[in-house]
């Protein structure tokens, strides 16, 4: 007589939870990225494509992940002269991204060019208007002067951005300064996991309670021994 040791898979998270969880696909191989994305698809509805994957695979990474049913968060932190940022953002909008990061250090005119380019690209392609995200202060930066956050949030507002990327510890200030903007928080680490290079990490529960709209989670899931179990546990903690 044998014992069935098969473990039942965790139930798929509700769409409302999946839409608030972004898996960071920080790899340089689209095949690996697709495999990771498929493993966590029942619990994560957004896939983040950063510089590493976009440099390796370009727009194909976006197209393939959209084809798998994900909203794509293109994290390029655009920062250049307004004309260049506007043109790059227009391309991003045309290929179907749902979120695009632009670095707020570039100032309001550059952000405005990025927002307009992004929306124009999406409109021309017949796609919904994406979320333009101004990156305020990196979660790995624990030495930024106190006034920097307010200055960059103000630039985001003046530039017409629809959202912000900030650390969980900056959420309260960001909400006071820009209550209507979407708040995206990277550096998310479940309790008991390594912070790695994130100097200002937060747990999923604490970030959500502080007002985050979208949580970006990477190695806590992608480096786990059982990625599906790690993803399911995070989603369950937010239910």
C-alpha atoms as a PDB file:
ATOM      1  CA  UNK A   1       0.000   0.000   0.000  1.00  0.00           C
ATOM      2  CA  UNK A   2       1.445   3.350  -0.976  1.00  0.00           C
ATOM      3  CA  UNK A   3       0.851   6.830   0.332  1.00  0.00           C
ATOM      4  CA  UNK A   4      -0.060   9.589  -2.075  1.00  0.00           C
ATOM      5  CA  UNK A   5       2.321  12.448  -1.229  1.00  0.00           C
ATOM      6  CA  UNK A   6       1.114  14.738  -3.982  1.00  0.00           C
ATOM      7  CA  UNK A   7       0.497  18.215  -2.633  1.00  0.00           C
ATOM      8  CA  UNK A   8      -2.564  20.024  -3.881  1.00  0.00           C
ATOM      9  CA  UNK A   9      -1.595  23.293  -5.605  1.00  0.00           C
ATOM     10  CA  UNK A  10      -2.549  26.472  -3.785  1.00  0.00           C
ATOM     11  CA  UNK A  11      -5.723  28.071  -5.150  1.00  0.00           C
ATOM     12  CA  UNK A  12      -5.380  30.891  -7.664  1.00  0.00           C
ATOM     13  CA  UNK A  13      -5.541  34.324  -6.083  1.00  0.00           C
ATOM     14  CA  UNK A  14      -8.488  36.605  -6.858  1.00  0.00           C
ATOM     15  CA  UNK A  15      -7.889  39.005  -9.729  1.00  0.00           C
ATOM     16  CA  UNK A  16      -7.960  41.948  -7.313  1.00  0.00           C
ATOM     17  CA  UNK A  17      -4.914  40.503  -5.513  1.00  0.00           C
ATOM     18  CA  UNK A  18      -3.098  39.458  -8.695  1.00  0.00           C
ATOM     19  CA  UNK A  19      -3.419  42.984 -10.088  1.00  0.00           C
ATOM     20  CA  UNK A  20      -1.541  44.319  -7.054  1.00  0.00           C
ATOM     21  CA  UNK A  21       1.419  41.943  -7.350  1.00  0.00           C
ATOM     22  CA  UNK A  22       4.233  42.377  -9.881  1.00  0.00           C
ATOM     23  CA  UNK A  23       6.882  39.705 -10.339  1.00  0.00           C
ATOM     24  CA  UNK A  24      10.319  41.141 -11.143  1.00  0.00           C
ATOM     25  CA  UNK A  25      11.758  39.098 -14.008  1.00  0.00           C
ATOM     26  CA  UNK A  26      15.350  40.196 -13.488  1.00  0.00           C
ATOM     27  CA  UNK A  27      16.939  37.697 -15.868  1.00  0.00           C
ATOM     28  CA  UNK A  28      18.647  37.994 -19.248  1.00  0.00           C
ATOM     29  CA  UNK A  29      16.892  35.113 -21.000  1.00  0.00           C
ATOM     30  CA  UNK A  30      13.337  35.348 -22.337  1.00  0.00           C
ATOM     31  CA  UNK A  31      12.878  31.580 -22.063  1.00  0.00           C
ATOM     32  CA  UNK A  32      13.717  31.691 -18.357  1.00  0.00           C
ATOM     33  CA  UNK A  33      11.540  34.773 -17.928  1.00  0.00           C
ATOM     34  CA  UNK A  34       8.577  32.996 -19.492  1.00  0.00           C
ATOM     35  CA  UNK A  35       9.114  29.962 -17.283  1.00  0.00           C
ATOM     36  CA  UNK A  36       9.233  32.103 -14.134  1.00  0.00           C
ATOM     37  CA  UNK A  37       6.174  34.048 -15.207  1.00  0.00           C
ATOM     38  CA  UNK A  38       4.138  30.916 -15.902  1.00  0.00           C
ATOM     39  CA  UNK A  39       5.040  29.449 -12.507  1.00  0.00           C
ATOM     40  CA  UNK A  40       3.638  32.426 -10.615  1.00  0.00           C
ATOM     41  CA  UNK A  41       0.792  33.414 -12.960  1.00  0.00           C
ATOM     42  CA  UNK A  42      -1.939  32.107 -10.626  1.00  0.00           C
ATOM     43  CA  UNK A  43      -0.882  34.684  -8.008  1.00  0.00           C
ATOM     44  CA  UNK A  44       0.818  37.532  -9.905  1.00  0.00           C
ATOM     45  CA  UNK A  45      -0.945  39.555 -12.588  1.00  0.00           C
ATOM     46  CA  UNK A  46       1.859  41.981 -13.471  1.00  0.00           C
ATOM     47  CA  UNK A  47       5.297  41.136 -14.878  1.00  0.00           C
ATOM     48  CA  UNK A  48       8.154  43.614 -14.477  1.00  0.00           C
ATOM     49  CA  UNK A  49      10.651  43.790 -17.332  1.00  0.00           C
ATOM     50  CA  UNK A  50      13.790  45.664 -16.330  1.00  0.00           C
ATOM     51  CA  UNK A  51      16.936  46.774 -18.088  1.00  0.00           C
ATOM     52  CA  UNK A  52      18.487  43.309 -18.037  1.00  0.00           C
ATOM     53  CA  UNK A  53      15.672  41.479 -19.797  1.00  0.00           C
ATOM     54  CA  UNK A  54      14.798  44.363 -22.120  1.00  0.00           C
ATOM     55  CA  UNK A  55      18.419  44.689 -23.210  1.00  0.00           C
ATOM     56  CA  UNK A  56      18.530  40.958 -23.917  1.00  0.00           C
ATOM     57  CA  UNK A  57      15.193  40.549 -25.678  1.00  0.00           C
ATOM     58  CA  UNK A  58      13.756  43.992 -26.414  1.00  0.00           C
ATOM     59  CA  UNK A  59      10.067  44.444 -27.273  1.00  0.00           C
ATOM     60  CA  UNK A  60       9.718  40.672 -27.725  1.00  0.00           C
ATOM     61  CA  UNK A  61       9.834  40.320 -23.946  1.00  0.00           C
ATOM     62  CA  UNK A  62       6.851  42.637 -23.617  1.00  0.00           C
ATOM     63  CA  UNK A  63       4.905  40.960 -26.415  1.00  0.00           C
ATOM     64  CA  UNK A  64       5.441  37.458 -25.049  1.00  0.00           C
ATOM     65  CA  UNK A  65       4.432  38.361 -21.499  1.00  0.00           C
ATOM     66  CA  UNK A  66       1.335  40.198 -22.696  1.00  0.00           C
ATOM     67  CA  UNK A  67       0.558  37.065 -24.682  1.00  0.00           C
ATOM     68  CA  UNK A  68       0.700  35.068 -21.440  1.00  0.00           C
ATOM     69  CA  UNK A  69      -1.963  37.324 -19.960  1.00  0.00           C
ATOM     70  CA  UNK A  70       0.220  39.641 -17.877  1.00  0.00           C
ATOM     71  CA  UNK A  71       0.124  43.381 -17.598  1.00  0.00           C
ATOM     72  CA  UNK A  72       3.713  44.454 -18.282  1.00  0.00           C
ATOM     73  CA  UNK A  73       5.587  46.911 -16.097  1.00  0.00           C
ATOM     74  CA  UNK A  74       8.505  48.189 -18.192  1.00  0.00           C
ATOM     75  CA  UNK A  75      11.073  49.446 -15.709  1.00  0.00           C
ATOM     76  CA  UNK A  76      13.633  51.414 -17.728  1.00  0.00           C
ATOM     77  CA  UNK A  77      13.792  54.523 -15.508  1.00  0.00           C
ATOM     78  CA  UNK A  78      14.074  56.733 -18.587  1.00  0.00           C
ATOM     79  CA  UNK A  79      16.317  59.765 -18.048  1.00  0.00           C
ATOM     80  CA  UNK A  80      17.585  61.849 -20.960  1.00  0.00           C
ATOM     81  CA  UNK A  81      16.674  65.031 -22.774  1.00  0.00           C
ATOM     82  CA  UNK A  82      12.887  65.465 -23.146  1.00  0.00           C
ATOM     83  CA  UNK A  83      12.843  64.714 -26.875  1.00  0.00           C
ATOM     84  CA  UNK A  84      14.659  61.410 -26.442  1.00  0.00           C
ATOM     85  CA  UNK A  85      12.543  60.357 -23.471  1.00  0.00           C
ATOM     86  CA  UNK A  86       9.368  61.253 -25.334  1.00  0.00           C
ATOM     87  CA  UNK A  87      10.316  59.172 -28.374  1.00  0.00           C
ATOM     88  CA  UNK A  88      11.387  56.182 -26.277  1.00  0.00           C
ATOM     89  CA  UNK A  89       8.188  56.369 -24.232  1.00  0.00           C
ATOM     90  CA  UNK A  90       6.126  56.518 -27.433  1.00  0.00           C
ATOM     91  CA  UNK A  91       7.633  53.210 -28.520  1.00  0.00           C
ATOM     92  CA  UNK A  92       6.937  51.713 -25.097  1.00  0.00           C
ATOM     93  CA  UNK A  93       3.310  52.758 -25.316  1.00  0.00           C
ATOM     94  CA  UNK A  94       2.926  51.268 -28.775  1.00  0.00           C
ATOM     95  CA  UNK A  95       4.160  47.800 -27.755  1.00  0.00           C
ATOM     96  CA  UNK A  96       1.561  47.318 -25.056  1.00  0.00           C
ATOM     97  CA  UNK A  97       3.118  48.125 -21.697  1.00  0.00           C
ATOM     98  CA  UNK A  98       0.738  48.896 -18.837  1.00  0.00           C
ATOM     99  CA  UNK A  99       3.336  50.714 -16.717  1.00  0.00           C
ATOM    100  CA  UNK A 100       6.501  52.627 -17.614  1.00  0.00           C
ATOM    101  CA  UNK A 101       9.050  54.190 -15.262  1.00  0.00           C
ATOM    102  CA  UNK A 102      10.631  57.588 -15.893  1.00  0.00           C
ATOM    103  CA  UNK A 103      13.164  58.974 -13.440  1.00  0.00           C
ATOM    104  CA  UNK A 104      11.871  62.069 -11.644  1.00  0.00           C
ATOM    105  CA  UNK A 105      15.404  63.410 -11.241  1.00  0.00           C
ATOM    106  CA  UNK A 106      15.062  64.531 -14.877  1.00  0.00           C
ATOM    107  CA  UNK A 107      12.537  67.196 -13.899  1.00  0.00           C
ATOM    108  CA  UNK A 108       9.010  68.108 -14.906  1.00  0.00           C
ATOM    109  CA  UNK A 109       9.629  68.953 -18.602  1.00  0.00           C
ATOM    110  CA  UNK A 110      11.306  65.584 -19.191  1.00  0.00           C
ATOM    111  CA  UNK A 111       8.546  63.758 -17.323  1.00  0.00           C
ATOM    112  CA  UNK A 112       5.907  65.605 -19.320  1.00  0.00           C
ATOM    113  CA  UNK A 113       7.569  64.561 -22.581  1.00  0.00           C
ATOM    114  CA  UNK A 114       7.612  60.957 -21.388  1.00  0.00           C
ATOM    115  CA  UNK A 115       3.965  61.003 -20.355  1.00  0.00           C
ATOM    116  CA  UNK A 116       2.846  62.522 -23.639  1.00  0.00           C
ATOM    117  CA  UNK A 117       4.954  60.115 -25.674  1.00  0.00           C
ATOM    118  CA  UNK A 118       3.715  57.089 -23.738  1.00  0.00           C
ATOM    119  CA  UNK A 119       0.063  58.046 -24.120  1.00  0.00           C
ATOM    120  CA  UNK A 120       0.497  58.908 -27.790  1.00  0.00           C
ATOM    121  CA  UNK A 121       2.117  55.554 -28.535  1.00  0.00           C
ATOM    122  CA  UNK A 122      -0.658  53.644 -26.816  1.00  0.00           C
ATOM    123  CA  UNK A 123      -3.377  55.712 -28.489  1.00  0.00           C
ATOM    124  CA  UNK A 124      -1.939  55.189 -31.956  1.00  0.00           C
ATOM    125  CA  UNK A 125      -1.863  51.430 -31.325  1.00  0.00           C
ATOM    126  CA  UNK A 126      -5.461  51.448 -30.075  1.00  0.00           C
ATOM    127  CA  UNK A 127      -4.411  50.449 -26.556  1.00  0.00           C
ATOM    128  CA  UNK A 128      -5.596  51.668 -23.133  1.00  0.00           C
ATOM    129  CA  UNK A 129      -3.707  54.568 -21.563  1.00  0.00           C
ATOM    130  CA  UNK A 130      -0.721  53.185 -19.597  1.00  0.00           C
ATOM    131  CA  UNK A 131       0.384  54.309 -16.135  1.00  0.00           C
ATOM    132  CA  UNK A 132       3.371  56.667 -16.275  1.00  0.00           C
ATOM    133  CA  UNK A 133       5.433  56.174 -13.120  1.00  0.00           C
ATOM    134  CA  UNK A 134       7.881  58.758 -11.803  1.00  0.00           C
ATOM    135  CA  UNK A 135      10.710  57.086  -9.893  1.00  0.00           C
ATOM    136  CA  UNK A 136      11.361  59.142  -6.757  1.00  0.00           C
ATOM    137  CA  UNK A 137      14.143  57.630  -4.602  1.00  0.00           C
ATOM    138  CA  UNK A 138      15.504  54.113  -5.109  1.00  0.00           C
ATOM    139  CA  UNK A 139      14.779  51.647  -2.310  1.00  0.00           C
ATOM    140  CA  UNK A 140      18.513  50.896  -2.203  1.00  0.00           C
ATOM    141  CA  UNK A 141      19.242  54.565  -1.376  1.00  0.00           C
ATOM    142  CA  UNK A 142      19.090  55.221   2.348  1.00  0.00           C
ATOM    143  CA  UNK A 143      21.074  58.467   2.227  1.00  0.00           C
ATOM    144  CA  UNK A 144      18.872  60.808   0.192  1.00  0.00           C
ATOM    145  CA  UNK A 145      18.266  64.214   1.864  1.00  0.00           C
ATOM    146  CA  UNK A 146      14.748  64.617   3.316  1.00  0.00           C
ATOM    147  CA  UNK A 147      13.682  67.292   0.826  1.00  0.00           C
ATOM    148  CA  UNK A 148      14.341  65.138  -2.239  1.00  0.00           C
ATOM    149  CA  UNK A 149      11.112  63.146  -2.040  1.00  0.00           C
ATOM    150  CA  UNK A 150       8.899  66.235  -2.015  1.00  0.00           C
ATOM    151  CA  UNK A 151      10.844  67.796  -4.878  1.00  0.00           C
ATOM    152  CA  UNK A 152      10.479  64.696  -7.052  1.00  0.00           C
ATOM    153  CA  UNK A 153       6.820  64.157  -6.234  1.00  0.00           C
ATOM    154  CA  UNK A 154       6.181  67.766  -7.220  1.00  0.00           C
ATOM    155  CA  UNK A 155       8.002  67.176 -10.512  1.00  0.00           C
ATOM    156  CA  UNK A 156       5.794  64.133 -11.107  1.00  0.00           C
ATOM    157  CA  UNK A 157       2.663  66.191 -10.533  1.00  0.00           C
ATOM    158  CA  UNK A 158       3.848  69.005 -12.780  1.00  0.00           C
ATOM    159  CA  UNK A 159       4.886  66.487 -15.433  1.00  0.00           C
ATOM    160  CA  UNK A 160       1.444  64.872 -15.492  1.00  0.00           C
ATOM    161  CA  UNK A 161       2.555  61.447 -14.290  1.00  0.00           C
ATOM    162  CA  UNK A 162      -0.184  59.073 -13.178  1.00  0.00           C
ATOM    163  CA  UNK A 163       1.886  57.292 -10.546  1.00  0.00           C
ATOM    164  CA  UNK A 164       4.984  57.157  -8.375  1.00  0.00           C
ATOM    165  CA  UNK A 165       7.572  54.557  -7.469  1.00  0.00           C
ATOM    166  CA  UNK A 166       8.717  54.942  -3.879  1.00  0.00           C
ATOM    167  CA  UNK A 167       9.867  52.972  -0.846  1.00  0.00           C
ATOM    168  CA  UNK A 168       7.265  51.890   1.688  1.00  0.00           C
ATOM    169  CA  UNK A 169       8.845  54.247   4.209  1.00  0.00           C
ATOM    170  CA  UNK A 170       8.022  57.170   1.880  1.00  0.00           C
ATOM    171  CA  UNK A 171       4.398  56.205   1.314  1.00  0.00           C
ATOM    172  CA  UNK A 172       2.862  58.410   3.968  1.00  0.00           C
ATOM    173  CA  UNK A 173       4.604  61.522   2.663  1.00  0.00           C
ATOM    174  CA  UNK A 174       3.865  60.576  -0.947  1.00  0.00           C
ATOM    175  CA  UNK A 175       0.177  60.082  -0.165  1.00  0.00           C
ATOM    176  CA  UNK A 176      -0.018  63.473   1.531  1.00  0.00           C
ATOM    177  CA  UNK A 177       1.676  65.206  -1.401  1.00  0.00           C
ATOM    178  CA  UNK A 178      -0.044  63.322  -4.214  1.00  0.00           C
ATOM    179  CA  UNK A 179      -3.063  61.391  -2.903  1.00  0.00           C
ATOM    180  CA  UNK A 180      -4.473  60.576  -6.345  1.00  0.00           C
ATOM    181  CA  UNK A 181      -1.352  59.093  -7.921  1.00  0.00           C
ATOM    182  CA  UNK A 182      -0.835  55.326  -8.127  1.00  0.00           C
ATOM    183  CA  UNK A 183       1.795  54.208  -5.588  1.00  0.00           C
ATOM    184  CA  UNK A 184       4.177  51.415  -6.625  1.00  0.00           C
ATOM    185  CA  UNK A 185       6.518  49.952  -4.016  1.00  0.00           C
ATOM    186  CA  UNK A 186       9.553  47.791  -4.856  1.00  0.00           C
ATOM    187  CA  UNK A 187      11.906  46.229  -2.309  1.00  0.00           C
ATOM    188  CA  UNK A 188       9.184  43.979  -0.913  1.00  0.00           C
ATOM    189  CA  UNK A 189      10.416  41.166   1.323  1.00  0.00           C
ATOM    190  CA  UNK A 190       8.201  38.787   3.333  1.00  0.00           C
ATOM    191  CA  UNK A 191       9.114  38.538   7.005  1.00  0.00           C
ATOM    192  CA  UNK A 192      12.116  36.290   7.558  1.00  0.00           C
ATOM    193  CA  UNK A 193      13.604  36.637   4.070  1.00  0.00           C
ATOM    194  CA  UNK A 194      16.867  38.344   3.146  1.00  0.00           C
ATOM    195  CA  UNK A 195      16.783  42.052   2.255  1.00  0.00           C
ATOM    196  CA  UNK A 196      19.617  41.632  -0.287  1.00  0.00           C
ATOM    197  CA  UNK A 197      20.520  45.097  -1.646  1.00  0.00           C
ATOM    198  CA  UNK A 198      17.283  46.760  -0.541  1.00  0.00           C
ATOM    199  CA  UNK A 199      18.169  49.190   2.234  1.00  0.00           C
ATOM    200  CA  UNK A 200      14.522  50.159   2.753  1.00  0.00           C
ATOM    201  CA  UNK A 201      12.633  46.900   2.369  1.00  0.00           C
ATOM    202  CA  UNK A 202       9.111  46.252   3.671  1.00  0.00           C
ATOM    203  CA  UNK A 203       6.802  43.292   4.091  1.00  0.00           C
ATOM    204  CA  UNK A 204       3.891  42.937   1.664  1.00  0.00           C
ATOM    205  CA  UNK A 205       1.362  43.404   4.450  1.00  0.00           C
ATOM    206  CA  UNK A 206       2.960  46.564   5.848  1.00  0.00           C
ATOM    207  CA  UNK A 207       3.365  48.158   2.407  1.00  0.00           C
ATOM    208  CA  UNK A 208      -0.249  47.474   1.493  1.00  0.00           C
ATOM    209  CA  UNK A 209      -1.440  48.802   4.850  1.00  0.00           C
ATOM    210  CA  UNK A 210       0.604  51.968   4.284  1.00  0.00           C
ATOM    211  CA  UNK A 211      -1.178  52.659   1.010  1.00  0.00           C
ATOM    212  CA  UNK A 212       0.715  50.857  -1.763  1.00  0.00           C
ATOM    213  CA  UNK A 213      -1.289  50.056  -4.892  1.00  0.00           C
ATOM    214  CA  UNK A 214       1.207  47.726  -6.563  1.00  0.00           C
ATOM    215  CA  UNK A 215       3.949  45.653  -4.899  1.00  0.00           C
ATOM    216  CA  UNK A 216       7.051  44.617  -6.854  1.00  0.00           C
ATOM    217  CA  UNK A 217       8.533  41.330  -5.643  1.00  0.00           C
ATOM    218  CA  UNK A 218      11.602  39.631  -7.050  1.00  0.00           C
ATOM    219  CA  UNK A 219      14.096  37.362  -5.337  1.00  0.00           C
ATOM    220  CA  UNK A 220      11.771  36.524  -2.434  1.00  0.00           C
ATOM    221  CA  UNK A 221       9.895  34.478  -5.046  1.00  0.00           C
ATOM    222  CA  UNK A 222      12.256  33.950  -7.972  1.00  0.00           C
ATOM    223  CA  UNK A 223      15.109  32.693  -5.758  1.00  0.00           C
ATOM    224  CA  UNK A 224      12.864  30.532  -3.552  1.00  0.00           C
ATOM    225  CA  UNK A 225      13.262  26.744  -3.580  1.00  0.00           C
ATOM    226  CA  UNK A 226       9.551  26.460  -4.375  1.00  0.00           C
ATOM    227  CA  UNK A 227       8.566  29.552  -6.345  1.00  0.00           C
ATOM    228  CA  UNK A 228       4.913  28.630  -6.632  1.00  0.00           C
ATOM    229  CA  UNK A 229       4.614  28.111  -2.889  1.00  0.00           C
ATOM    230  CA  UNK A 230       6.373  31.420  -2.167  1.00  0.00           C
ATOM    231  CA  UNK A 231       4.112  33.269  -4.591  1.00  0.00           C
ATOM    232  CA  UNK A 232       0.979  31.641  -3.187  1.00  0.00           C
ATOM    233  CA  UNK A 233       2.011  32.495   0.395  1.00  0.00           C
ATOM    234  CA  UNK A 234       2.470  36.169  -0.472  1.00  0.00           C
ATOM    235  CA  UNK A 235      -0.883  36.351  -2.235  1.00  0.00           C
ATOM    236  CA  UNK A 236      -2.580  34.601   0.681  1.00  0.00           C
ATOM    237  CA  UNK A 237      -1.072  37.090   3.151  1.00  0.00           C
ATOM    238  CA  UNK A 238      -2.840  39.911   1.329  1.00  0.00           C
ATOM    239  CA  UNK A 239      -6.250  38.279   1.052  1.00  0.00           C
END
